[in-house]
Amino acid sequence: MVEHAKGAKHQEIRMLNRKTLDISGVSNVDSFDNEEFLLETECGFLTVRGQNLHMKNLNLDQGLVSIEGTIHSLVYLDGNAGSKSKGLFGKMFK
């Protein structure tokens, strides 16, 4: 068993066959539909994208969320990511 320092951020993500996803350290579910979930976690905002997504379990007291469906991607939204690479539209519309 791993012990964590008090106040340290801790999050676990477990995915099984791209069909089920269990996430700990979730403080809020900002939005969700059958293609995208936006979760506020201890490590930042996390976007889960896929098809036919639905929430199997939600317990914000324990910080646990379970999602089922076909999972395509997990992306942490970083406030600094846009400054590093602007992408095609950022370059076109300076």
PDB file of N, CA and C in Angstrom:
ATOM      1  N   MET A   1       0.845  -1.183   0.000  1.00  0.00           N
ATOM      2  CA  MET A   1       0.000   0.000   0.000  1.00  0.00           C
ATOM      3  C   MET A   1       0.888   1.243   0.000  1.00  0.00           C
ATOM      4  N   VAL A   2       0.531   2.223  -0.781  1.00  0.00           N
ATOM      5  CA  VAL A   2       1.300   3.448  -0.893  1.00  0.00           C
ATOM      6  C   VAL A   2       0.657   4.515  -0.021  1.00  0.00           C
ATOM      7  N   GLU A   3       1.469   5.143   0.808  1.00  0.00           N
ATOM      8  CA  GLU A   3       0.967   6.232   1.642  1.00  0.00           C
ATOM      9  C   GLU A   3       1.322   7.554   0.984  1.00  0.00           C
ATOM     10  N   HIS A   4       0.397   8.513   1.079  1.00  0.00           N
ATOM     11  CA  HIS A   4       0.589   9.813   0.460  1.00  0.00           C
ATOM     12  C   HIS A   4       0.703  10.883   1.533  1.00  0.00           C
ATOM     13  N   ALA A   5       1.544  11.869   1.268  1.00  0.00           N
ATOM     14  CA  ALA A   5       1.718  12.971   2.208  1.00  0.00           C
ATOM     15  C   ALA A   5       0.421  13.748   2.349  1.00  0.00           C
ATOM     16  N   LYS A   6       0.189  14.261   3.529  1.00  0.00           N
ATOM     17  CA  LYS A   6      -1.028  15.022   3.783  1.00  0.00           C
ATOM     18  C   LYS A   6      -1.056  16.259   2.891  1.00  0.00           C
ATOM     19  N   GLY A   7      -2.162  16.497   2.212  1.00  0.00           N
ATOM     20  CA  GLY A   7      -2.306  17.648   1.332  1.00  0.00           C
ATOM     21  C   GLY A   7      -1.803  17.386  -0.087  1.00  0.00           C
ATOM     22  N   ALA A   8      -1.157  16.242  -0.320  1.00  0.00           N
ATOM     23  CA  ALA A   8      -0.656  15.920  -1.651  1.00  0.00           C
ATOM     24  C   ALA A   8      -1.823  15.512  -2.555  1.00  0.00           C
ATOM     25  N   LYS A   9      -1.699  15.836  -3.836  1.00  0.00           N
ATOM     26  CA  LYS A   9      -2.728  15.456  -4.794  1.00  0.00           C
ATOM     27  C   LYS A   9      -2.632  13.964  -5.062  1.00  0.00           C
ATOM     28  N   HIS A  10      -3.785  13.335  -5.147  1.00  0.00           N
ATOM     29  CA  HIS A  10      -3.817  11.899  -5.400  1.00  0.00           C
ATOM     30  C   HIS A  10      -5.003  11.577  -6.302  1.00  0.00           C
ATOM     31  N   GLN A  11      -4.715  10.874  -7.369  1.00  0.00           N
ATOM     32  CA  GLN A  11      -5.777  10.471  -8.283  1.00  0.00           C
ATOM     33  C   GLN A  11      -5.401   9.152  -8.920  1.00  0.00           C
ATOM     34  N   GLU A  12      -6.398   8.303  -9.059  1.00  0.00           N
ATOM     35  CA  GLU A  12      -6.192   7.029  -9.738  1.00  0.00           C
ATOM     36  C   GLU A  12      -7.208   6.921 -10.870  1.00  0.00           C
ATOM     37  N   ILE A  13      -6.734   6.423 -12.009  1.00  0.00           N
ATOM     38  CA  ILE A  13      -7.602   6.178 -13.161  1.00  0.00           C
ATOM     39  C   ILE A  13      -7.388   4.736 -13.582  1.00  0.00           C
ATOM     40  N   ARG A  14      -8.479   3.996 -13.663  1.00  0.00           N
ATOM     41  CA  ARG A  14      -8.402   2.596 -14.075  1.00  0.00           C
ATOM     42  C   ARG A  14      -9.352   2.388 -15.256  1.00  0.00           C
ATOM     43  N   MET A  15      -8.797   1.893 -16.370  1.00  0.00           N
ATOM     44  CA  MET A  15      -9.613   1.631 -17.550  1.00  0.00           C
ATOM     45  C   MET A  15      -9.494   0.148 -17.895  1.00  0.00           C
ATOM     46  N   LEU A  16     -10.624  -0.444 -18.268  1.00  0.00           N
ATOM     47  CA  LEU A  16     -10.649  -1.843 -18.644  1.00  0.00           C
ATOM     48  C   LEU A  16     -11.204  -1.972 -20.062  1.00  0.00           C
ATOM     49  N   ASN A  17     -10.336  -2.389 -20.985  1.00  0.00           N
ATOM     50  CA  ASN A  17     -10.725  -2.665 -22.380  1.00  0.00           C
ATOM     51  C   ASN A  17     -11.430  -1.493 -23.075  1.00  0.00           C
ATOM     52  N   ARG A  18     -11.103  -0.273 -22.682  1.00  0.00           N
ATOM     53  CA  ARG A  18     -11.700   0.935 -23.261  1.00  0.00           C
ATOM     54  C   ARG A  18     -13.221   0.968 -23.114  1.00  0.00           C
ATOM     55  N   LYS A  19     -13.765   0.178 -22.198  1.00  0.00           N
ATOM     56  CA  LYS A  19     -15.219   0.114 -22.001  1.00  0.00           C
ATOM     57  C   LYS A  19     -15.658   0.656 -20.645  1.00  0.00           C
ATOM     58  N   THR A  20     -14.848   0.474 -19.613  1.00  0.00           N
ATOM     59  CA  THR A  20     -15.203   0.982 -18.287  1.00  0.00           C
ATOM     60  C   THR A  20     -14.036   1.812 -17.750  1.00  0.00           C
ATOM     61  N   LEU A  21     -14.382   2.863 -17.036  1.00  0.00           N
ATOM     62  CA  LEU A  21     -13.395   3.798 -16.509  1.00  0.00           C
ATOM     63  C   LEU A  21     -13.776   4.142 -15.082  1.00  0.00           C
ATOM     64  N   ASP A  22     -12.854   3.936 -14.150  1.00  0.00           N
ATOM     65  CA  ASP A  22     -13.052   4.297 -12.745  1.00  0.00           C
ATOM     66  C   ASP A  22     -12.038   5.374 -12.398  1.00  0.00           C
ATOM     67  N   ILE A  23     -12.511   6.497 -11.870  1.00  0.00           N
ATOM     68  CA  ILE A  23     -11.653   7.636 -11.570  1.00  0.00           C
ATOM     69  C   ILE A  23     -11.863   8.047 -10.119  1.00  0.00           C
ATOM     70  N   SER A  24     -10.759   8.208  -9.378  1.00  0.00           N
ATOM     71  CA  SER A  24     -10.841   8.732  -8.017  1.00  0.00           C
ATOM     72  C   SER A  24     -10.269  10.142  -8.015  1.00  0.00           C
ATOM     73  N   GLY A  25     -10.499  10.867  -6.923  1.00  0.00           N
ATOM     74  CA  GLY A  25      -9.998  12.233  -6.817  1.00  0.00           C
ATOM     75  C   GLY A  25     -10.856  13.247  -7.546  1.00  0.00           C
ATOM     76  N   VAL A  26     -12.117  12.901  -7.819  1.00  0.00           N
ATOM     77  CA  VAL A  26     -13.039  13.803  -8.535  1.00  0.00           C
ATOM     78  C   VAL A  26     -13.783  14.659  -7.519  1.00  0.00           C
ATOM     79  N   SER A  27     -13.743  15.969  -7.725  1.00  0.00           N
ATOM     80  CA  SER A  27     -14.442  16.871  -6.802  1.00  0.00           C
ATOM     81  C   SER A  27     -15.756  17.382  -7.379  1.00  0.00           C
ATOM     82  N   ASN A  28     -15.903  17.364  -8.725  1.00  0.00           N
ATOM     83  CA  ASN A  28     -17.130  17.868  -9.337  1.00  0.00           C
ATOM     84  C   ASN A  28     -17.256  17.341 -10.764  1.00  0.00           C
ATOM     85  N   VAL A  29     -18.489  17.109 -11.203  1.00  0.00           N
ATOM     86  CA  VAL A  29     -18.785  16.796 -12.603  1.00  0.00           C
ATOM     87  C   VAL A  29     -19.373  18.061 -13.196  1.00  0.00           C
ATOM     88  N   ASP A  30     -18.581  18.758 -14.024  1.00  0.00           N
ATOM     89  CA  ASP A  30     -19.034  20.039 -14.576  1.00  0.00           C
ATOM     90  C   ASP A  30     -20.088  19.857 -15.659  1.00  0.00           C
ATOM     91  N   SER A  31     -19.877  18.892 -16.558  1.00  0.00           N
ATOM     92  CA  SER A  31     -20.873  18.639 -17.610  1.00  0.00           C
ATOM     93  C   SER A  31     -20.641  17.234 -18.155  1.00  0.00           C
ATOM     94  N   PHE A  32     -21.699  16.701 -18.752  1.00  0.00           N
ATOM     95  CA  PHE A  32     -21.558  15.393 -19.394  1.00  0.00           C
ATOM     96  C   PHE A  32     -22.696  15.168 -20.370  1.00  0.00           C
ATOM     97  N   ASP A  33     -22.391  14.405 -21.404  1.00  0.00           N
ATOM     98  CA  ASP A  33     -23.395  13.886 -22.329  1.00  0.00           C
ATOM     99  C   ASP A  33     -22.872  12.542 -22.826  1.00  0.00           C
ATOM    100  N   ASN A  34     -23.481  11.993 -23.866  1.00  0.00           N
ATOM    101  CA  ASN A  34     -23.087  10.645 -24.287  1.00  0.00           C
ATOM    102  C   ASN A  34     -21.761  10.606 -25.052  1.00  0.00           C
ATOM    103  N   GLU A  35     -21.150  11.803 -25.325  1.00  0.00           N
ATOM    104  CA  GLU A  35     -19.874  11.838 -26.032  1.00  0.00           C
ATOM    105  C   GLU A  35     -18.746  12.479 -25.227  1.00  0.00           C
ATOM    106  N   GLU A  36     -19.054  13.199 -24.133  1.00  0.00           N
ATOM    107  CA  GLU A  36     -17.999  13.891 -23.405  1.00  0.00           C
ATOM    108  C   GLU A  36     -18.377  14.139 -21.947  1.00  0.00           C
ATOM    109  N   PHE A  37     -17.415  13.920 -21.071  1.00  0.00           N
ATOM    110  CA  PHE A  37     -17.537  14.248 -19.648  1.00  0.00           C
ATOM    111  C   PHE A  37     -16.458  15.270 -19.324  1.00  0.00           C
ATOM    112  N   LEU A  38     -16.800  16.288 -18.541  1.00  0.00           N
ATOM    113  CA  LEU A  38     -15.825  17.243 -18.028  1.00  0.00           C
ATOM    114  C   LEU A  38     -15.835  17.128 -16.514  1.00  0.00           C
ATOM    115  N   LEU A  39     -14.714  16.643 -15.957  1.00  0.00           N
ATOM    116  CA  LEU A  39     -14.611  16.381 -14.535  1.00  0.00           C
ATOM    117  C   LEU A  39     -13.574  17.304 -13.904  1.00  0.00           C
ATOM    118  N   GLU A  40     -13.902  17.850 -12.734  1.00  0.00           N
ATOM    119  CA  GLU A  40     -12.925  18.602 -11.970  1.00  0.00           C
ATOM    120  C   GLU A  40     -12.293  17.640 -10.981  1.00  0.00           C
ATOM    121  N   THR A  41     -10.978  17.456 -11.083  1.00  0.00           N
ATOM    122  CA  THR A  41     -10.279  16.499 -10.233  1.00  0.00           C
ATOM    123  C   THR A  41      -9.205  17.210  -9.421  1.00  0.00           C
ATOM    124  N   GLU A  42      -8.595  16.467  -8.518  1.00  0.00           N
ATOM    125  CA  GLU A  42      -7.517  17.019  -7.705  1.00  0.00           C
ATOM    126  C   GLU A  42      -6.312  17.413  -8.551  1.00  0.00           C
ATOM    127  N   CYS A  43      -6.168  16.810  -9.728  1.00  0.00           N
ATOM    128  CA  CYS A  43      -5.019  17.079 -10.601  1.00  0.00           C
ATOM    129  C   CYS A  43      -5.374  18.006 -11.753  1.00  0.00           C
ATOM    130  N   GLY A  44      -6.549  18.616 -11.740  1.00  0.00           N
ATOM    131  CA  GLY A  44      -6.967  19.525 -12.807  1.00  0.00           C
ATOM    132  C   GLY A  44      -8.227  19.027 -13.492  1.00  0.00           C
ATOM    133  N   PHE A  45      -8.676  19.793 -14.486  1.00  0.00           N
ATOM    134  CA  PHE A  45      -9.869  19.405 -15.235  1.00  0.00           C
ATOM    135  C   PHE A  45      -9.515  18.286 -16.199  1.00  0.00           C
ATOM    136  N   LEU A  46     -10.372  17.271 -16.258  1.00  0.00           N
ATOM    137  CA  LEU A  46     -10.160  16.095 -17.092  1.00  0.00           C
ATOM    138  C   LEU A  46     -11.346  15.934 -18.029  1.00  0.00           C
ATOM    139  N   THR A  47     -11.056  15.810 -19.317  1.00  0.00           N
ATOM    140  CA  THR A  47     -12.089  15.558 -20.319  1.00  0.00           C
ATOM    141  C   THR A  47     -11.998  14.101 -20.754  1.00  0.00           C
ATOM    142  N   VAL A  48     -13.134  13.415 -20.714  1.00  0.00           N
ATOM    143  CA  VAL A  48     -13.240  12.037 -21.191  1.00  0.00           C
ATOM    144  C   VAL A  48     -14.129  12.082 -22.422  1.00  0.00           C
ATOM    145  N   ARG A  49     -13.603  11.599 -23.550  1.00  0.00           N
ATOM    146  CA  ARG A  49     -14.384  11.607 -24.792  1.00  0.00           C
ATOM    147  C   ARG A  49     -14.582  10.178 -25.292  1.00  0.00           C
ATOM    148  N   GLY A  50     -15.730   9.956 -25.940  1.00  0.00           N
ATOM    149  CA  GLY A  50     -16.024   8.634 -26.463  1.00  0.00           C
ATOM    150  C   GLY A  50     -17.398   8.571 -27.087  1.00  0.00           C
ATOM    151  N   GLN A  51     -17.953   7.380 -27.153  1.00  0.00           N
ATOM    152  CA  GLN A  51     -19.285   7.147 -27.727  1.00  0.00           C
ATOM    153  C   GLN A  51     -20.118   6.380 -26.711  1.00  0.00           C
ATOM    154  N   ASN A  52     -21.405   6.700 -26.685  1.00  0.00           N
ATOM    155  CA  ASN A  52     -22.365   6.031 -25.802  1.00  0.00           C
ATOM    156  C   ASN A  52     -21.896   6.022 -24.345  1.00  0.00           C
ATOM    157  N   LEU A  53     -21.329   7.139 -23.901  1.00  0.00           N
ATOM    158  CA  LEU A  53     -20.848   7.239 -22.530  1.00  0.00           C
ATOM    159  C   LEU A  53     -22.020   7.467 -21.580  1.00  0.00           C
ATOM    160  N   HIS A  54     -21.972   6.806 -20.447  1.00  0.00           N
ATOM    161  CA  HIS A  54     -22.944   7.062 -19.392  1.00  0.00           C
ATOM    162  C   HIS A  54     -22.287   6.814 -18.033  1.00  0.00           C
ATOM    163  N   MET A  55     -22.823   7.495 -17.044  1.00  0.00           N
ATOM    164  CA  MET A  55     -22.282   7.397 -15.694  1.00  0.00           C
ATOM    165  C   MET A  55     -22.853   6.161 -15.017  1.00  0.00           C
ATOM    166  N   LYS A  56     -21.968   5.268 -14.636  1.00  0.00           N
ATOM    167  CA  LYS A  56     -22.381   4.042 -13.961  1.00  0.00           C
ATOM    168  C   LYS A  56     -22.497   4.282 -12.456  1.00  0.00           C
ATOM    169  N   ASN A  57     -21.580   5.102 -11.911  1.00  0.00           N
ATOM    170  CA  ASN A  57     -21.569   5.357 -10.478  1.00  0.00           C
ATOM    171  C   ASN A  57     -21.008   6.746 -10.221  1.00  0.00           C
ATOM    172  N   LEU A  58     -21.582   7.445  -9.248  1.00  0.00           N
ATOM    173  CA  LEU A  58     -21.098   8.765  -8.854  1.00  0.00           C
ATOM    174  C   LEU A  58     -21.177   8.877  -7.338  1.00  0.00           C
ATOM    175  N   ASN A  59     -20.033   9.153  -6.712  1.00  0.00           N
ATOM    176  CA  ASN A  59     -19.986   9.374  -5.273  1.00  0.00           C
ATOM    177  C   ASN A  59     -18.976  10.490  -5.016  1.00  0.00           C
ATOM    178  N   LEU A  60     -19.456  11.732  -5.000  1.00  0.00           N
ATOM    179  CA  LEU A  60     -18.558  12.865  -4.818  1.00  0.00           C
ATOM    180  C   LEU A  60     -18.040  12.979  -3.392  1.00  0.00           C
ATOM    181  N   ASP A  61     -18.742  12.380  -2.427  1.00  0.00           N
ATOM    182  CA  ASP A  61     -18.239  12.367  -1.046  1.00  0.00           C
ATOM    183  C   ASP A  61     -16.907  11.613  -0.972  1.00  0.00           C
ATOM    184  N   GLN A  62     -16.801  10.530  -1.740  1.00  0.00           N
ATOM    185  CA  GLN A  62     -15.559   9.755  -1.795  1.00  0.00           C
ATOM    186  C   GLN A  62     -14.702  10.140  -2.994  1.00  0.00           C
ATOM    187  N   GLY A  63     -15.232  10.992  -3.890  1.00  0.00           N
ATOM    188  CA  GLY A  63     -14.483  11.433  -5.065  1.00  0.00           C
ATOM    189  C   GLY A  63     -14.386  10.396  -6.162  1.00  0.00           C
ATOM    190  N   LEU A  64     -15.395   9.526  -6.276  1.00  0.00           N
ATOM    191  CA  LEU A  64     -15.355   8.433  -7.241  1.00  0.00           C
ATOM    192  C   LEU A  64     -16.385   8.613  -8.354  1.00  0.00           C
ATOM    193  N   VAL A  65     -15.942   8.362  -9.590  1.00  0.00           N
ATOM    194  CA  VAL A  65     -16.833   8.372 -10.751  1.00  0.00           C
ATOM    195  C   VAL A  65     -16.512   7.140 -11.587  1.00  0.00           C
ATOM    196  N   SER A  66     -17.556   6.446 -12.039  1.00  0.00           N
ATOM    197  CA  SER A  66     -17.398   5.313 -12.953  1.00  0.00           C
ATOM    198  C   SER A  66     -18.166   5.626 -14.229  1.00  0.00           C
ATOM    199  N   ILE A  67     -17.505   5.435 -15.367  1.00  0.00           N
ATOM    200  CA  ILE A  67     -18.087   5.742 -16.673  1.00  0.00           C
ATOM    201  C   ILE A  67     -18.016   4.490 -17.529  1.00  0.00           C
ATOM    202  N   GLU A  68     -19.096   4.224 -18.274  1.00  0.00           N
ATOM    203  CA  GLU A  68     -19.129   3.106 -19.217  1.00  0.00           C
ATOM    204  C   GLU A  68     -19.400   3.637 -20.609  1.00  0.00           C
ATOM    205  N   GLY A  69     -18.936   2.922 -21.608  1.00  0.00           N
ATOM    206  CA  GLY A  69     -19.118   3.287 -23.007  1.00  0.00           C
ATOM    207  C   GLY A  69     -17.835   2.964 -23.762  1.00  0.00           C
ATOM    208  N   THR A  70     -17.713   3.474 -24.977  1.00  0.00           N
ATOM    209  CA  THR A  70     -16.488   3.307 -25.753  1.00  0.00           C
ATOM    210  C   THR A  70     -15.629   4.546 -25.548  1.00  0.00           C
ATOM    211  N   ILE A  71     -14.504   4.388 -24.872  1.00  0.00           N
ATOM    212  CA  ILE A  71     -13.658   5.522 -24.495  1.00  0.00           C
ATOM    213  C   ILE A  71     -12.623   5.766 -25.586  1.00  0.00           C
ATOM    214  N   HIS A  72     -12.579   7.023 -26.075  1.00  0.00           N
ATOM    215  CA  HIS A  72     -11.636   7.401 -27.126  1.00  0.00           C
ATOM    216  C   HIS A  72     -10.430   8.147 -26.570  1.00  0.00           C
ATOM    217  N   SER A  73     -10.640   9.035 -25.591  1.00  0.00           N
ATOM    218  CA  SER A  73      -9.510   9.811 -25.089  1.00  0.00           C
ATOM    219  C   SER A  73      -9.759  10.334 -23.681  1.00  0.00           C
ATOM    220  N   LEU A  74      -8.642  10.560 -22.975  1.00  0.00           N
ATOM    221  CA  LEU A  74      -8.617  11.227 -21.679  1.00  0.00           C
ATOM    222  C   LEU A  74      -7.623  12.372 -21.821  1.00  0.00           C
ATOM    223  N   VAL A  75      -8.069  13.592 -21.539  1.00  0.00           N
ATOM    224  CA  VAL A  75      -7.201  14.753 -21.716  1.00  0.00           C
ATOM    225  C   VAL A  75      -7.345  15.677 -20.521  1.00  0.00           C
ATOM    226  N   TYR A  76      -6.205  16.040 -19.922  1.00  0.00           N
ATOM    227  CA  TYR A  76      -6.215  17.064 -18.882  1.00  0.00           C
ATOM    228  C   TYR A  76      -6.149  18.423 -19.556  1.00  0.00           C
ATOM    229  N   LEU A  77      -7.029  19.326 -19.128  1.00  0.00           N
ATOM    230  CA  LEU A  77      -7.057  20.670 -19.682  1.00  0.00           C
ATOM    231  C   LEU A  77      -6.105  21.530 -18.872  1.00  0.00           C
ATOM    232  N   ASP A  78      -5.052  21.970 -19.520  1.00  0.00           N
ATOM    233  CA  ASP A  78      -4.033  22.792 -18.883  1.00  0.00           C
ATOM    234  C   ASP A  78      -4.181  24.220 -19.370  1.00  0.00           C
ATOM    235  N   GLY A  79      -4.186  25.164 -18.469  1.00  0.00           N
ATOM    236  CA  GLY A  79      -4.301  26.563 -18.845  1.00  0.00           C
ATOM    237  C   GLY A  79      -3.135  27.043 -19.684  1.00  0.00           C
ATOM    238  N   ASN A  80      -1.964  26.406 -19.566  1.00  0.00           N
ATOM    239  CA  ASN A  80      -0.772  26.835 -20.287  1.00  0.00           C
ATOM    240  C   ASN A  80      -0.603  26.134 -21.633  1.00  0.00           C
ATOM    241  N   ALA A  81      -1.423  25.142 -21.935  1.00  0.00           N
ATOM    242  CA  ALA A  81      -1.237  24.370 -23.162  1.00  0.00           C
ATOM    243  C   ALA A  81      -1.415  25.231 -24.402  1.00  0.00           C
ATOM    244  N   GLY A  82      -2.330  26.175 -24.388  1.00  0.00           N
ATOM    245  CA  GLY A  82      -2.585  27.011 -25.558  1.00  0.00           C
ATOM    246  C   GLY A  82      -1.428  27.927 -25.894  1.00  0.00           C
ATOM    247  N   SER A  83      -0.624  28.308 -24.930  1.00  0.00           N
ATOM    248  CA  SER A  83       0.481  29.212 -25.200  1.00  0.00           C
ATOM    249  C   SER A  83       1.651  28.505 -25.882  1.00  0.00           C
ATOM    250  N   LYS A  84       1.757  27.188 -25.719  1.00  0.00           N
ATOM    251  CA  LYS A  84       2.857  26.445 -26.322  1.00  0.00           C
ATOM    252  C   LYS A  84       2.618  26.196 -27.804  1.00  0.00           C
ATOM    253  N   SER A  85       1.406  25.809 -28.161  1.00  0.00           N
ATOM    254  CA  SER A  85       1.087  25.475 -29.536  1.00  0.00           C
ATOM    255  C   SER A  85      -0.293  26.038 -29.878  1.00  0.00           C
ATOM    256  N   LYS A  86      -0.329  26.923 -30.841  1.00  0.00           N
ATOM    257  CA  LYS A  86      -1.585  27.582 -31.171  1.00  0.00           C
ATOM    258  C   LYS A  86      -2.459  26.755 -32.101  1.00  0.00           C
ATOM    259  N   GLY A  87      -1.892  25.812 -32.835  1.00  0.00           N
ATOM    260  CA  GLY A  87      -2.675  25.021 -33.766  1.00  0.00           C
ATOM    261  C   GLY A  87      -2.970  25.780 -35.041  1.00  0.00           C
ATOM    262  N   LEU A  88      -3.715  25.170 -35.928  1.00  0.00           N
ATOM    263  CA  LEU A  88      -4.002  25.739 -37.239  1.00  0.00           C
ATOM    264  C   LEU A  88      -4.778  27.041 -37.159  1.00  0.00           C
ATOM    265  N   PHE A  89      -5.874  27.079 -36.371  1.00  0.00           N
ATOM    266  CA  PHE A  89      -6.687  28.286 -36.303  1.00  0.00           C
ATOM    267  C   PHE A  89      -5.952  29.423 -35.597  1.00  0.00           C
ATOM    268  N   GLY A  90      -5.149  29.103 -34.604  1.00  0.00           N
ATOM    269  CA  GLY A  90      -4.381  30.128 -33.910  1.00  0.00           C
ATOM    270  C   GLY A  90      -3.373  30.793 -34.823  1.00  0.00           C
ATOM    271  N   LYS A  91      -2.794  30.022 -35.740  1.00  0.00           N
ATOM    272  CA  LYS A  91      -1.830  30.572 -36.688  1.00  0.00           C
ATOM    273  C   LYS A  91      -2.526  31.374 -37.782  1.00  0.00           C
ATOM    274  N   MET A  92      -3.711  30.922 -38.185  1.00  0.00           N
ATOM    275  CA  MET A  92      -4.442  31.617 -39.255  1.00  0.00           C
ATOM    276  C   MET A  92      -4.995  32.953 -38.791  1.00  0.00           C
ATOM    277  N   PHE A  93      -5.474  33.038 -37.537  1.00  0.00           N
ATOM    278  CA  PHE A  93      -6.134  34.236 -37.044  1.00  0.00           C
ATOM    279  C   PHE A  93      -5.304  34.910 -35.966  1.00  0.00           C
ATOM    280  N   LYS A  94      -4.123  35.401 -36.349  1.00  0.00           N
ATOM    281  CA  LYS A  94      -3.238  36.101 -35.395  1.00  0.00           C
ATOM    282  C   LYS A  94      -3.816  37.430 -35.002  1.00  0.00           C
TER     283      LYS A  94
END
